[in-house]
């Protein structure tokens, strides 16, 4: 059940020309941050990605096709980006396993010391 997905942090329309269809004001810049989820925890990582999509010709513009002007706009938005802080949240099953482990450890110590026969 290990899964990783990206959630959207920020979307912005940028006024640069599309390198594919040359339309103006149809590029959408999206920043996403990675969320990892397992059976025991959910974690937000520091990993972020950015992608640009043209809404006119419906094509994703990869970084190799970015012009210098597009790259400057992306860097500007990247500096202003507020990412969510890195965090980990344990799920109830993880808390239950930790509590069970602590109880077993206490029982072993009590049996070893002879307090609990």
Protein backbone atom coordinates (compact mmCIF):
# COMPACT_ATOMS: atom_id res chain seq x y z
CA UNK A 1 0.00 0.00 0.00
CA UNK A 2 2.97 2.33 -0.36
CA UNK A 3 1.95 5.22 -2.55
CA UNK A 4 3.39 8.54 -3.48
CA UNK A 5 1.48 11.35 -5.07
CA UNK A 6 1.88 15.06 -5.62
CA UNK A 7 -0.61 17.66 -4.41
CA UNK A 8 -0.96 21.12 -5.91
CA UNK A 9 0.62 23.98 -3.99
CA UNK A 10 0.13 26.82 -6.44
CA UNK A 11 -1.25 27.44 -9.93
CA UNK A 12 -0.52 30.60 -11.87
CA UNK A 13 -1.28 31.83 -15.37
CA UNK A 14 1.81 33.29 -16.99
CA UNK A 15 1.78 35.74 -19.87
CA UNK A 16 4.54 34.20 -21.97
CA UNK A 17 4.13 32.82 -25.48
CA UNK A 18 3.65 29.08 -25.82
CA UNK A 19 6.65 27.48 -27.59
CA UNK A 20 4.27 25.10 -29.41
CA UNK A 21 1.32 27.17 -30.63
CA UNK A 22 2.71 30.69 -29.92
CA UNK A 23 -0.48 31.80 -28.19
CA UNK A 24 -0.11 34.49 -25.57
CA UNK A 25 -1.51 34.23 -22.02
CA UNK A 26 -2.43 30.54 -22.20
CA UNK A 27 0.39 29.00 -20.15
CA UNK A 28 -0.43 27.66 -16.70
CA UNK A 29 2.36 27.03 -14.21
CA UNK A 30 1.71 24.45 -11.49
CA UNK A 31 3.86 23.66 -8.44
CA UNK A 32 3.30 20.36 -6.65
CA UNK A 33 4.73 18.82 -3.46
CA UNK A 34 5.18 15.10 -2.77
CA UNK A 35 3.01 13.21 -0.26
CA UNK A 36 4.00 9.66 0.70
CA UNK A 37 1.47 7.35 2.34
CA UNK A 38 1.96 3.86 3.77
CA UNK A 39 -0.12 1.66 6.04
CA UNK A 40 1.56 3.18 9.11
CA UNK A 41 2.10 6.87 8.29
CA UNK A 42 1.57 9.85 5.98
CA UNK A 43 4.53 12.10 5.23
CA UNK A 44 4.97 15.36 3.36
CA UNK A 45 8.44 15.55 1.82
CA UNK A 46 10.54 18.51 0.68
CA UNK A 47 10.39 17.37 -2.95
CA UNK A 48 8.58 19.79 -5.24
CA UNK A 49 8.04 19.76 -9.00
CA UNK A 50 6.88 22.37 -11.45
CA UNK A 51 5.14 21.87 -14.75
CA UNK A 52 3.81 24.15 -17.44
CA UNK A 53 0.80 23.33 -19.58
CA UNK A 54 -0.61 25.30 -22.49
CA UNK A 55 -4.38 25.61 -22.13
CA UNK A 56 -4.81 26.56 -25.80
CA UNK A 57 -3.11 23.55 -27.45
CA UNK A 58 -3.36 21.31 -24.33
CA UNK A 59 0.32 20.34 -24.37
CA UNK A 60 2.69 20.01 -21.44
CA UNK A 61 5.76 22.17 -21.99
CA UNK A 62 8.85 20.35 -20.72
CA UNK A 63 11.85 22.30 -19.35
CA UNK A 64 13.91 21.65 -22.46
CA UNK A 65 11.44 23.77 -24.45
CA UNK A 66 11.34 26.66 -21.97
CA UNK A 67 12.61 30.00 -23.24
CA UNK A 68 14.75 32.26 -21.09
CA UNK A 69 11.70 34.41 -20.34
CA UNK A 70 9.66 31.41 -19.20
CA UNK A 71 12.54 30.24 -17.02
CA UNK A 72 12.78 33.69 -15.38
CA UNK A 73 9.05 33.67 -14.61
CA UNK A 74 9.28 30.13 -13.17
CA UNK A 75 12.22 31.16 -10.96
CA UNK A 76 10.28 34.21 -9.77
CA UNK A 77 7.27 32.09 -8.78
CA UNK A 78 9.54 29.47 -7.21
CA UNK A 79 11.09 32.10 -4.91
CA UNK A 80 7.62 33.23 -3.81
CA UNK A 81 6.40 29.66 -3.25
CA UNK A 82 5.32 28.71 0.28
CA UNK A 83 5.85 24.96 0.64
CA UNK A 84 4.30 22.97 3.43
CA UNK A 85 6.82 21.97 6.06
CA UNK A 86 8.19 18.45 6.10
CA UNK A 87 6.05 16.36 8.44
CA UNK A 88 5.07 12.81 9.38
CA UNK A 89 1.76 11.75 10.88
CA UNK A 90 1.34 8.29 12.35
CA UNK A 91 -1.85 6.39 11.66
CA UNK A 92 -3.82 4.61 14.44
CA UNK A 93 -2.33 1.20 13.58
CA UNK A 94 1.18 2.55 14.19
CA UNK A 95 0.15 4.02 17.54
CA UNK A 96 -1.43 0.68 18.46
CA UNK A 97 1.71 -1.27 17.58
CA UNK A 98 3.86 1.12 19.60
CA UNK A 99 1.54 0.83 22.63
CA UNK A 100 1.54 -2.97 22.32
CA UNK A 101 5.35 -3.00 22.15
CA UNK A 102 5.64 -0.83 25.26
CA UNK A 103 3.22 -3.05 27.19
CA UNK A 104 5.14 -6.19 26.19
CA UNK A 105 8.45 -4.55 27.19
CA UNK A 106 7.06 -3.56 30.61
CA UNK A 107 5.71 -7.09 31.13
CA UNK A 108 9.10 -8.62 30.27
CA UNK A 109 10.87 -6.29 32.70
CA UNK A 110 8.36 -7.09 35.48
CA UNK A 111 8.77 -10.84 34.90
CA UNK A 112 12.58 -10.55 34.81
CA UNK A 113 12.71 -8.62 38.09
CA UNK A 114 10.26 -10.99 39.80
CA UNK A 115 7.70 -8.32 40.60
CA UNK A 116 5.00 -10.01 38.56
CA UNK A 117 4.91 -13.82 38.70
